[in-house]
């Protein structure tokens, strides 16, 4: 029984090979058309969706929380934060100010740029944000330096 099956499979394969050899141009054209149509289908129908708005239901608790957060703090939503590390806090502040100016000079690339914890108010009232030991240490250092 296996021998008959092997013989049948052998005949089918031989017929297929014979057909392809006799009509090689037709087989090549059909293979190319199949490849092109497969490529067109893939380009037009296969996508990778990375937007979570499309992937997850809007009714999920974390999506509802995200909407509430976005509505409550619109300036804090979908930001890019830059952390600047420098030898001294003054140099970090200068670098941050320069970077802010560069971002603000490119409105076509950056919708909005701001310096959290910076600005005129913070510069004038910075001592309000120091903890008591830091403020006492600063006062001691200022007293030693004197006028």
Protein backbone atom coordinates (compact mmCIF):
# COMPACT_ATOMS: atom_id res chain seq x y z
CA UNK A 1 0.00 0.00 0.00
CA UNK A 2 2.81 2.46 0.82
CA UNK A 3 4.45 1.56 -2.46
CA UNK A 4 1.30 2.54 -4.39
CA UNK A 5 1.09 5.80 -2.51
CA UNK A 6 4.75 6.56 -3.20
CA UNK A 7 4.22 5.79 -6.86
CA UNK A 8 1.23 8.12 -7.09
CA UNK A 9 3.08 10.95 -5.35
CA UNK A 10 6.05 10.37 -7.65
CA UNK A 11 3.82 10.60 -10.75
CA UNK A 12 2.16 13.80 -9.50
CA UNK A 13 5.52 15.44 -8.77
CA UNK A 14 6.91 14.28 -12.14
CA UNK A 15 3.86 15.68 -13.94
CA UNK A 16 4.22 19.00 -12.13
CA UNK A 17 7.92 19.22 -12.99
CA UNK A 18 7.21 18.28 -16.60
CA UNK A 19 4.49 20.95 -16.85
CA UNK A 20 6.81 23.60 -15.40
CA UNK A 21 9.64 22.64 -17.76
CA UNK A 22 7.43 22.75 -20.85
CA UNK A 23 5.81 26.07 -19.91
CA UNK A 24 8.66 27.77 -18.05
CA UNK A 25 7.83 31.30 -19.28
CA UNK A 26 4.19 30.98 -18.21
CA UNK A 27 5.18 29.61 -14.80
CA UNK A 28 7.73 32.42 -14.30
CA UNK A 29 5.19 35.11 -15.26
CA UNK A 30 2.55 33.61 -12.95
CA UNK A 31 5.05 33.40 -10.08
CA UNK A 32 6.04 37.05 -10.59
CA UNK A 33 2.38 38.13 -10.72
CA UNK A 34 1.70 36.20 -7.52
CA UNK A 35 4.69 37.82 -5.80
CA UNK A 36 3.68 41.33 -6.91
CA UNK A 37 0.05 40.84 -5.87
CA UNK A 38 1.18 39.47 -2.48
CA UNK A 39 3.45 42.48 -2.02
CA UNK A 40 0.65 44.92 -2.92
CA UNK A 41 -1.72 43.22 -0.53
CA UNK A 42 0.85 43.35 2.27
CA UNK A 43 1.60 47.02 1.69
CA UNK A 44 -2.08 48.00 1.66
CA UNK A 45 -3.47 45.72 4.38
CA UNK A 46 -0.80 44.73 6.89
CA UNK A 47 0.04 47.39 9.48
CA UNK A 48 1.47 47.52 12.96
CA UNK A 49 -0.76 49.64 15.19
CA UNK A 50 1.15 51.25 18.01
CA UNK A 51 -1.40 53.81 19.14
CA UNK A 52 -2.86 52.71 22.44
CA UNK A 53 -6.02 54.64 21.59
CA UNK A 54 -6.61 52.08 18.83
CA UNK A 55 -5.37 49.03 20.72
CA UNK A 56 -7.32 49.37 23.95
CA UNK A 57 -10.93 50.16 24.72
CA UNK A 58 -11.61 53.69 25.95
CA UNK A 59 -13.66 52.16 28.77
CA UNK A 60 -10.70 50.50 30.50
CA UNK A 61 -9.90 52.03 33.90
CA UNK A 62 -6.35 53.05 33.00
CA UNK A 63 -7.55 54.79 29.80
CA UNK A 64 -10.19 56.69 31.81
CA UNK A 65 -7.54 57.71 34.35
CA UNK A 66 -5.27 58.85 31.52
CA UNK A 67 -8.04 61.07 30.09
CA UNK A 68 -8.74 62.57 33.53
CA UNK A 69 -5.02 63.28 34.00
CA UNK A 70 -4.74 64.86 30.53
CA UNK A 71 -7.81 67.04 31.20
CA UNK A 72 -6.56 68.07 34.65
CA UNK A 73 -2.93 68.75 33.66
CA UNK A 74 -2.80 69.52 29.94
CA UNK A 75 0.68 71.07 30.13
CA UNK A 76 2.10 67.93 31.76
CA UNK A 77 0.72 65.45 29.24
CA UNK A 78 2.91 63.88 26.53
CA UNK A 79 5.99 65.93 27.27
CA UNK A 80 9.63 65.21 26.68
CA UNK A 81 11.71 65.97 29.75
CA UNK A 82 15.40 66.80 29.56
CA UNK A 83 17.59 66.28 32.61
CA UNK A 84 20.74 68.35 32.75
CA UNK A 85 23.65 67.33 34.95
CA UNK A 86 26.53 69.73 35.46
CA UNK A 87 29.45 70.31 37.80
CA UNK A 88 27.56 73.02 39.68
CA UNK A 89 23.87 73.92 39.93
CA UNK A 90 24.65 77.30 38.36
CA UNK A 91 26.11 75.67 35.25
CA UNK A 92 23.13 73.35 35.03
CA UNK A 93 20.82 76.36 35.25
CA UNK A 94 22.76 78.18 32.52
CA UNK A 95 22.64 75.10 30.28
CA UNK A 96 18.92 74.71 30.92
CA UNK A 97 18.30 78.37 30.04
CA UNK A 98 20.31 78.04 26.82
CA UNK A 99 18.49 74.86 25.87
CA UNK A 100 15.13 76.51 26.58
CA UNK A 101 16.08 79.46 24.37
CA UNK A 102 17.13 77.09 21.58
CA UNK A 103 13.84 75.18 21.80
CA UNK A 104 11.78 78.37 21.83
CA UNK A 105 13.67 79.59 18.75
CA UNK A 106 12.35 76.57 16.81
CA UNK A 107 8.54 76.85 16.97
CA UNK A 108 8.15 74.68 13.88
CA UNK A 109 9.77 71.76 15.76
CA UNK A 110 8.68 72.43 19.35
CA UNK A 111 5.09 73.35 20.14
CA UNK A 112 6.00 74.72 23.54
CA UNK A 113 9.08 74.70 25.77
CA UNK A 114 9.28 75.73 29.39
CA UNK A 115 11.57 75.33 32.35
CA UNK A 116 9.79 73.71 35.31
CA UNK A 117 10.91 75.25 38.57
CA UNK A 118 12.47 78.10 36.66
CA UNK A 119 11.55 81.53 35.53
CA UNK A 120 11.34 84.93 37.11
CA UNK A 121 9.30 83.93 40.17
CA UNK A 122 11.58 81.04 41.05
CA UNK A 123 14.70 83.17 40.64
CA UNK A 124 13.31 85.82 42.99
CA UNK A 125 11.88 83.39 45.56
CA UNK A 126 14.24 80.42 45.32
CA UNK A 127 14.99 80.48 49.06
CA UNK A 128 11.37 79.49 49.75
CA UNK A 129 12.08 76.08 48.25
CA UNK A 130 15.13 75.23 50.35
CA UNK A 131 14.73 72.97 53.34
CA UNK A 132 15.70 74.40 56.74
CA UNK A 133 19.17 72.77 57.01
CA UNK A 134 20.11 73.94 53.50
CA UNK A 135 18.90 77.46 54.23
CA UNK A 136 20.87 77.57 57.51
CA UNK A 137 23.98 76.29 55.71
CA UNK A 138 23.58 78.97 53.04
CA UNK A 139 23.16 81.66 55.70
CA UNK A 140 26.32 80.45 57.48
CA UNK A 141 28.31 80.49 54.24
CA UNK A 142 27.06 83.98 53.39
CA UNK A 143 27.95 85.18 56.88
CA UNK A 144 31.51 83.82 56.54
CA UNK A 145 32.04 85.36 53.12
CA UNK A 146 30.65 88.69 54.33
CA UNK A 147 30.77 91.95 52.43
